[in-house]
Amino acid sequence: MSFSFSLVAEDGAARAGRMTTAHGTVDTPAFMPVGTAGAVKAVTPEELVACGAQIVLANTYHLDLRPGHEVVRALGGLHRFMHWDGPILTDSGGFQAFSMEALRRLDEEGVHFKSHLDGSLHLLTPESSMDVQAALGSDVAMVLDECPPLPSPREAVEQAVERTARWAERSRAAYAGPGAVFGIVQGGGFEDLRARSAQALVAMDFHGYAIGGVSVGEPPEAIAAVAAVTAAMLPRAKPRYLMGVGRPEDLVEAVAGGVDLFDCVMPTRNARNGTLFTSRGKVNIKREENRTDPGPLDPDCPCETCRNYSRAYLRHLYVSGEILAARLHTIHNLTFYLGLMRRMREAIAEGRFAAFRERFLSEVAAG
């Protein structure tokens, strides 16, 4: 296994680092575009590179259902299958256990799913999740965890923390793949349960640690508080990954709290829905004011969309239902997100992250 993480600079709790895998290096803090089924919707791997992506996320549950992990293994692994030669992190299927509550049942063995595709029954255990991720050949594999919904009584959250620790131990023992393995800290909004979960996982000596169970309906200030408190409980010399958090201001606040890695569908999903992130605030491309606007979406953005296409044209594509709208919007939103991460890395390296954070958040509030 080829995996390492080193800190390059620190500015307060914010960190700039370098995560090295068998398929390349990731400069942190980093945002991972979500390629659930082995593709980031609407864009090619070459376009991802042009946007600034260094690592992508794919999903164990979905790829196991279709096309099947043995198919991917036989075709040379997920990197070759999806034509992406950079690092890949695979989720364990734990989020689906949370989000598909109506189609699953949890017990100590694992998660019993009813497929959303054809109704067939499947059992995802810590061991089978790790077997699938090994077959995919991911650079970072996530343990299977239990994420309790919000709100949940303390007793339910405590039970999820204990089960997550047991499943983490089983996942760690079962993994025989080429990549690193990250544990996932649970605990909801209970700081003592977060501490208990972190302590149990740190004792297992994972290659990195994720902060799970956030961005499940709580307000932004609660997300930032839980992220910062939990990050401080984790080893300084290992990467910290905040799962599923995606508003730009949430990313900035979490980096301020010591987080290194992020993923979220927000930039790509919003792109397909006509909501675009710019240096001057969010833009709803559907609005009438864009119908005859000859200017770029964001004059400060270097992406292909902003260099070559007007707001009027982008609106025309969107209201006409043209597929090109999703492509051009996604290219822009990912460029914005990945550019934000680069700017944060630079601010940390230059010792001016506090000023960057204050200015960015004030601009968001003004927008």
Protein backbone atom coordinates (compact mmCIF):
# COMPACT_ATOMS: atom_id res chain seq x y z
CA MET A 1 0.00 0.00 0.00
CA SER A 2 1.23 3.46 -0.93
CA PHE A 3 -0.29 6.15 1.27
CA SER A 4 1.06 9.04 3.28
CA PHE A 5 -0.04 12.40 4.61
CA SER A 6 2.10 15.36 5.60
CA LEU A 7 1.32 18.86 6.79
CA VAL A 8 2.79 21.66 4.71
CA ALA A 9 1.53 24.68 6.67
CA GLU A 10 -0.76 25.57 9.55
CA ASP A 11 -2.52 28.85 10.27
CA GLY A 12 -4.47 28.63 13.49
CA ALA A 13 -6.42 25.39 13.28
CA ALA A 14 -6.47 25.54 9.45
CA ARG A 15 -4.07 23.16 7.74
CA ALA A 16 -2.55 22.77 4.28
CA GLY A 17 -1.25 19.30 3.57
CA ARG A 18 -0.35 16.70 1.00
CA MET A 19 -1.98 13.28 0.75
CA THR A 20 -0.03 10.83 -1.41
CA THR A 21 -1.57 7.70 -2.91
CA ALA A 22 -0.61 5.12 -5.51
CA HIS A 23 -2.50 7.16 -8.10
CA GLY A 24 -1.14 10.59 -7.28
CA THR A 25 -0.99 13.39 -4.76
CA VAL A 26 -3.86 15.44 -3.37
CA ASP A 27 -3.18 18.93 -2.01
CA THR A 28 -5.39 19.63 0.99
CA PRO A 29 -7.76 21.12 1.91
CA ALA A 30 -9.39 19.40 -1.05
CA PHE A 31 -12.89 18.97 -2.43
CA MET A 32 -13.84 15.64 -4.01
CA PRO A 33 -16.40 15.80 -6.83
CA VAL A 34 -18.97 13.03 -6.38
CA GLY A 35 -18.98 10.29 -9.00
CA THR A 36 -21.46 7.95 -7.32
CA ALA A 37 -21.73 5.40 -10.13
CA GLY A 38 -18.22 5.87 -11.48
CA ALA A 39 -18.90 9.18 -13.25
CA VAL A 40 -19.23 12.78 -12.14
CA LYS A 41 -22.50 13.73 -13.78
CA ALA A 42 -22.25 15.67 -17.06
CA VAL A 43 -18.44 15.95 -17.27
CA THR A 44 -15.55 13.81 -18.52
CA PRO A 45 -12.43 12.95 -16.53
CA GLU A 46 -10.46 15.31 -18.76
CA GLU A 47 -12.84 18.13 -17.87
CA LEU A 48 -12.50 17.29 -14.19
CA VAL A 49 -8.74 17.74 -14.47
CA ALA A 50 -9.24 21.07 -16.25
CA CYS A 51 -11.54 22.17 -13.39
CA GLY A 52 -8.75 21.39 -10.90
CA ALA A 53 -9.94 18.06 -9.47
CA GLN A 54 -7.26 15.84 -7.96
CA ILE A 55 -9.46 13.16 -6.38
CA VAL A 56 -13.03 11.92 -6.89
CA LEU A 57 -15.49 9.94 -4.79
CA ALA A 58 -17.40 6.86 -5.89
CA ASN A 59 -19.96 4.74 -4.06
CA THR A 60 -19.69 1.11 -2.99
CA TYR A 61 -23.42 0.40 -2.78
CA HIS A 62 -24.30 1.74 -6.22
CA LEU A 63 -21.33 0.20 -8.04
CA ASP A 64 -21.97 -3.16 -6.42
CA LEU A 65 -25.55 -3.13 -7.66
CA ARG A 66 -24.62 -1.93 -11.14
CA PRO A 67 -22.46 -3.08 -12.92
CA GLY A 68 -21.22 -5.26 -10.03
CA HIS A 69 -17.83 -5.17 -8.35
CA GLU A 70 -16.62 -8.36 -10.04
CA VAL A 71 -17.30 -6.81 -13.43
CA VAL A 72 -15.22 -3.77 -12.46
CA ARG A 73 -12.44 -6.00 -11.09
CA ALA A 74 -12.38 -8.07 -14.30
CA LEU A 75 -12.10 -4.89 -16.36
CA GLY A 76 -9.01 -3.73 -14.49
CA GLY A 77 -10.46 -1.87 -11.51
CA LEU A 78 -12.39 1.35 -11.16
CA HIS A 79 -9.57 3.66 -12.31
CA ARG A 80 -9.34 1.94 -15.67
CA PHE A 81 -13.09 1.36 -15.90
CA MET A 82 -13.96 5.05 -15.53
CA HIS A 83 -10.81 6.37 -17.24
CA TRP A 84 -9.66 8.31 -14.19
CA ASP A 85 -6.01 7.87 -13.28
CA GLY A 86 -6.06 10.06 -10.16
CA PRO A 87 -6.94 9.01 -6.61
CA ILE A 88 -10.40 7.62 -5.82
CA LEU A 89 -12.09 7.49 -2.43
CA THR A 90 -15.00 5.06 -2.11
CA ASP A 91 -17.83 5.49 0.36
CA SER A 92 -18.79 2.30 2.16
CA GLY A 93 -22.54 2.35 1.59
CA GLY A 94 -23.14 3.72 5.07
CA PHE A 95 -24.77 6.88 3.73
CA GLN A 96 -27.27 4.77 1.78
CA ALA A 97 -28.12 3.01 5.03
CA PHE A 98 -29.04 6.48 6.32
CA SER A 99 -30.69 7.98 3.24
CA MET A 100 -32.65 4.90 2.05
CA GLU A 101 -34.34 4.17 5.36
CA ALA A 102 -37.52 2.92 3.71
CA LEU A 103 -35.56 0.29 1.76
CA ARG A 104 -33.29 -1.12 4.44
CA ARG A 105 -33.11 -2.81 7.83
CA LEU A 106 -30.10 -2.61 10.17
CA ASP A 107 -28.91 -5.26 12.58
CA GLU A 108 -25.56 -6.26 14.01
CA GLU A 109 -24.70 -8.29 10.93
CA GLY A 110 -25.02 -5.32 8.57
CA VAL A 111 -27.53 -3.51 6.37
CA HIS A 112 -30.27 -5.47 4.62
CA PHE A 113 -31.20 -3.52 1.49
CA LYS A 114 -34.05 -3.82 -0.95
CA SER A 115 -32.56 -2.65 -4.24
CA HIS A 116 -33.96 0.63 -5.52
CA LEU A 117 -33.40 -0.74 -9.04
CA ASP A 118 -35.33 -4.01 -9.06
CA GLY A 119 -36.42 -4.80 -5.51
CA SER A 120 -33.90 -7.61 -5.05
CA LEU A 121 -32.55 -8.22 -1.55
CA HIS A 122 -28.92 -7.53 -0.61
CA LEU A 123 -26.90 -7.69 2.59
CA LEU A 124 -24.08 -5.20 3.05
CA THR A 125 -21.79 -6.10 5.94
CA PRO A 126 -18.54 -4.51 7.09
CA GLU A 127 -16.74 -7.42 5.44
CA SER A 128 -18.63 -7.33 2.13
CA SER A 129 -18.31 -3.54 1.90
CA MET A 130 -14.53 -3.84 2.23
CA ASP A 131 -14.44 -6.72 -0.27
CA VAL A 132 -16.27 -4.56 -2.82
CA GLN A 133 -13.93 -1.62 -2.24
CA ALA A 134 -10.92 -3.90 -2.59
CA ALA A 135 -12.29 -5.15 -5.92
CA LEU A 136 -12.82 -1.58 -7.09
CA GLY A 137 -9.19 -0.81 -6.21
CA SER A 138 -9.90 2.50 -4.49
CA ASP A 139 -7.07 4.53 -2.97
CA VAL A 140 -9.08 5.26 0.17
CA ALA A 141 -11.73 2.85 1.46
CA MET A 142 -14.25 3.89 4.11
CA VAL A 143 -15.43 1.59 6.90
CA LEU A 144 -19.11 0.76 7.15
CA ASP A 145 -20.79 2.90 9.81
CA GLU A 146 -24.20 3.68 11.23
CA CYS A 147 -25.36 7.27 10.86
CA PRO A 148 -28.37 8.03 13.10
CA PRO A 149 -30.97 10.47 11.74
CA LEU A 150 -31.61 13.91 13.15
CA PRO A 151 -33.14 14.27 15.62
CA SER A 152 -32.34 11.08 17.49
CA PRO A 153 -32.49 10.47 21.23
CA ARG A 154 -29.17 10.15 23.01
CA GLU A 155 -29.68 6.43 23.53
CA ALA A 156 -30.00 5.82 19.77
CA VAL A 157 -26.91 7.93 19.03
CA GLU A 158 -24.96 6.06 21.69
CA GLN A 159 -25.97 2.72 20.19
CA ALA A 160 -24.87 3.96 16.74
CA VAL A 161 -21.49 5.01 18.18
CA GLU A 162 -20.95 1.58 19.68
CA ARG A 163 -22.04 -0.26 16.54
CA THR A 164 -19.89 1.99 14.36
CA ALA A 165 -16.87 1.06 16.49
CA ARG A 166 -17.62 -2.66 16.21
CA TRP A 167 -18.17 -2.39 12.46
CA ALA A 168 -14.97 -0.35 12.10
CA GLU A 169 -12.99 -3.10 13.78
CA ARG A 170 -14.54 -5.72 11.51
CA SER A 171 -13.92 -3.53 8.45
CA ARG A 172 -10.27 -3.00 9.38
CA ALA A 173 -9.69 -6.71 9.85
CA ALA A 174 -11.44 -7.66 6.60
CA TYR A 175 -9.83 -5.22 4.19
CA ALA A 176 -7.37 -6.79 1.75
CA GLY A 177 -7.28 -4.05 -0.87
CA PRO A 178 -4.49 -1.81 -2.14
CA GLY A 179 -5.53 1.44 -0.48
CA ALA A 180 -5.77 3.21 2.84
CA VAL A 181 -8.69 2.76 5.24
CA PHE A 182 -10.44 5.63 7.04
CA GLY A 183 -12.56 5.29 10.18
CA ILE A 184 -15.73 7.35 10.65
CA VAL A 185 -16.52 9.23 13.85
CA GLN A 186 -20.18 9.37 14.85
CA GLY A 187 -21.88 10.87 17.88
CA GLY A 188 -24.43 13.36 16.59
CA GLY A 189 -24.38 16.62 18.49
CA PHE A 190 -23.20 15.01 21.74
CA GLU A 191 -19.60 16.05 22.36
CA ASP A 192 -18.92 13.25 24.83
CA LEU A 193 -20.17 10.64 22.37
CA ARG A 194 -18.02 12.19 19.64
CA ALA A 195 -15.05 11.88 22.00
CA ARG A 196 -15.90 8.25 22.77
CA SER A 197 -16.21 7.42 19.07
CA ALA A 198 -12.97 9.22 18.18
CA GLN A 199 -11.07 7.53 20.99
CA ALA A 200 -12.21 4.06 19.91
CA LEU A 201 -11.30 4.67 16.27
CA VAL A 202 -7.95 6.32 16.96
CA ALA A 203 -7.00 3.25 18.99
CA MET A 204 -7.51 1.17 15.82
CA ASP A 205 -4.88 3.31 14.03
CA PHE A 206 -6.62 4.07 10.74
CA HIS A 207 -4.80 5.90 7.95
CA GLY A 208 -7.25 8.79 8.26
CA TYR A 209 -10.52 9.73 9.92
CA ALA A 210 -13.87 11.02 8.73
CA ILE A 211 -16.42 13.09 10.60
CA GLY A 212 -19.80 11.53 9.86
CA GLY A 213 -23.34 12.26 10.91
CA VAL A 214 -23.31 15.96 10.03
CA SER A 215 -25.20 17.94 7.38
CA VAL A 216 -28.28 15.82 8.07
CA GLY A 217 -30.61 18.75 8.75
CA GLU A 218 -28.88 20.76 11.46
CA PRO A 219 -28.18 24.52 11.06
CA PRO A 220 -24.84 25.68 9.60
CA GLU A 221 -23.46 26.86 12.92
CA ALA A 222 -24.00 23.37 14.37
CA ILE A 223 -22.16 21.79 11.44
CA ALA A 224 -19.18 24.09 11.97
CA ALA A 225 -19.15 23.48 15.72
CA VAL A 226 -19.30 19.68 15.46
CA ALA A 227 -16.64 19.66 12.73
CA ALA A 228 -14.22 21.78 14.74
CA VAL A 229 -14.76 19.93 18.01
CA THR A 230 -14.37 16.52 16.37
CA ALA A 231 -11.35 17.52 14.26
CA ALA A 232 -9.53 18.54 17.44
CA MET A 233 -10.04 15.01 18.79
CA LEU A 234 -8.25 13.42 15.83
CA PRO A 235 -4.52 12.87 15.25
CA ARG A 236 -2.74 15.94 13.92
CA ALA A 237 -0.63 13.89 11.51
CA LYS A 238 -3.53 12.18 9.71
CA PRO A 239 -6.11 13.52 7.24
CA ARG A 240 -9.54 14.60 8.48
CA TYR A 241 -12.53 14.25 6.17
CA LEU A 242 -15.90 15.96 6.73
CA MET A 243 -18.48 13.89 4.89
CA GLY A 244 -21.27 15.36 2.78
CA VAL A 245 -20.83 19.06 3.63
CA GLY A 246 -20.92 21.35 0.64
CA ARG A 247 -21.99 25.00 0.89
CA PRO A 248 -18.94 27.16 0.13
CA GLU A 249 -19.24 28.99 3.45
CA ASP A 250 -19.46 25.64 5.28
CA LEU A 251 -16.23 24.54 3.61
CA VAL A 252 -14.45 27.70 4.72
CA GLU A 253 -15.70 27.34 8.30
CA ALA A 254 -14.72 23.66 8.45
CA VAL A 255 -11.22 24.39 7.12
CA ALA A 256 -10.95 27.00 9.87
CA GLY A 257 -11.76 24.17 12.28
CA GLY A 258 -9.02 21.88 11.00
CA VAL A 259 -10.69 19.75 8.28
CA ASP A 260 -8.75 18.56 5.20
CA LEU A 261 -11.17 16.74 2.85
CA PHE A 262 -14.73 17.32 1.66
CA ASP A 263 -17.31 15.87 -0.71
CA CYS A 264 -20.82 16.92 -1.67
CA VAL A 265 -23.21 16.73 -4.63
CA MET A 266 -24.10 20.42 -4.18
CA PRO A 267 -21.98 21.93 -6.99
CA THR A 268 -23.02 19.33 -9.57
CA ARG A 269 -26.66 18.96 -8.54
CA ASN A 270 -27.17 22.71 -8.34
CA ALA A 271 -25.53 23.09 -11.73
CA ARG A 272 -28.13 20.81 -13.28
CA ASN A 273 -30.86 22.81 -11.53
CA GLY A 274 -29.60 26.14 -12.85
CA THR A 275 -28.01 27.48 -9.66
CA LEU A 276 -24.45 28.67 -10.16
CA PHE A 277 -21.80 29.81 -7.69
CA THR A 278 -19.79 32.90 -8.58
CA SER A 279 -17.37 35.34 -6.97
CA ARG A 280 -20.29 37.75 -6.76
CA GLY A 281 -22.74 35.33 -5.14
CA LYS A 282 -25.17 32.69 -6.39
CA VAL A 283 -26.85 33.12 -9.76
CA ASN A 284 -30.19 31.64 -10.77
CA ILE A 285 -29.66 31.36 -14.52
CA LYS A 286 -33.40 30.98 -15.12
CA ARG A 287 -34.10 34.58 -14.12
CA GLU A 288 -35.40 36.93 -16.81
CA GLU A 289 -32.56 39.38 -16.19
CA ASN A 290 -30.17 36.90 -17.82
CA ARG A 291 -32.18 36.52 -21.04
CA THR A 292 -30.31 39.25 -22.94
CA ASP A 293 -27.15 39.56 -20.82
CA PRO A 294 -24.08 39.33 -23.13
CA GLY A 295 -21.61 39.10 -20.26
CA PRO A 296 -19.94 36.03 -18.77
CA LEU A 297 -21.37 34.20 -15.81
CA ASP A 298 -18.40 35.30 -13.68
CA PRO A 299 -15.75 37.63 -15.17
CA ASP A 300 -13.26 36.46 -12.54
CA CYS A 301 -13.62 32.77 -13.40
CA PRO A 302 -11.10 31.07 -15.75
CA CYS A 303 -13.34 28.14 -16.71
CA GLU A 304 -14.32 27.24 -20.27
CA THR A 305 -17.91 28.29 -19.61
CA CYS A 306 -17.03 31.80 -18.46
CA ARG A 307 -14.39 32.28 -21.18
CA ASN A 308 -16.66 31.34 -24.05
CA TYR A 309 -20.37 31.68 -23.27
CA SER A 310 -22.71 34.49 -22.25
CA ARG A 311 -25.31 34.43 -19.52
CA ALA A 312 -27.93 34.85 -22.23
CA TYR A 313 -26.75 31.71 -24.00
CA LEU A 314 -26.53 29.70 -20.78
CA ARG A 315 -30.08 30.71 -19.89
CA HIS A 316 -31.25 29.80 -23.39
CA LEU A 317 -29.69 26.35 -23.09
CA TYR A 318 -31.24 25.77 -19.68
CA VAL A 319 -34.81 26.86 -20.48
CA SER A 320 -34.61 24.91 -23.75
CA GLY A 321 -33.69 21.73 -21.89
CA GLU A 322 -30.42 21.34 -23.76
CA ILE A 323 -27.96 18.79 -22.29
CA LEU A 324 -25.13 21.25 -22.92
CA ALA A 325 -26.51 23.44 -20.12
CA ALA A 326 -25.75 20.75 -17.52
CA ARG A 327 -22.24 20.31 -18.89
CA LEU A 328 -21.32 23.99 -18.97
CA HIS A 329 -22.91 24.71 -15.61
CA THR A 330 -21.15 21.75 -13.98
CA ILE A 331 -17.78 22.79 -15.39
CA HIS A 332 -18.28 26.24 -13.91
CA ASN A 333 -19.49 25.15 -10.48
CA LEU A 334 -16.69 22.62 -10.06
CA THR A 335 -14.12 25.21 -11.15
CA PHE A 336 -15.52 27.58 -8.53
CA TYR A 337 -15.38 24.98 -5.75
CA LEU A 338 -11.95 23.68 -6.62
CA GLY A 339 -10.67 27.22 -7.03
CA LEU A 340 -12.00 28.04 -3.57
CA MET A 341 -10.00 25.14 -2.13
CA ARG A 342 -6.86 26.35 -3.92
CA ARG A 343 -7.34 29.87 -2.58
CA MET A 344 -7.70 28.50 0.94
CA ARG A 345 -4.50 26.47 0.56
CA GLU A 346 -2.66 29.58 -0.58
CA ALA A 347 -4.06 31.67 2.28
CA ILE A 348 -2.98 29.06 4.84
CA ALA A 349 0.50 28.80 3.34
CA GLU A 350 0.87 32.59 3.47
CA GLY A 351 -0.47 32.95 7.03
CA ARG A 352 -3.51 35.01 6.07
CA PHE A 353 -6.34 32.50 6.39
CA ALA A 354 -8.19 34.45 9.10
CA ALA A 355 -8.39 37.50 6.82
CA PHE A 356 -9.42 35.32 3.87
CA ARG A 357 -12.16 33.71 5.93
CA GLU A 358 -13.52 37.04 7.19
CA ARG A 359 -13.60 38.55 3.72
CA PHE A 360 -15.16 35.49 2.09
CA LEU A 361 -17.92 35.16 4.67
CA SER A 362 -18.69 38.89 4.47
CA GLU A 363 -18.98 38.63 0.68
CA VAL A 364 -21.33 35.65 1.01
CA ALA A 365 -23.48 37.57 3.49
CA ALA A 366 -23.54 40.61 1.19
CA GLY A 367 -24.47 38.47 -1.81
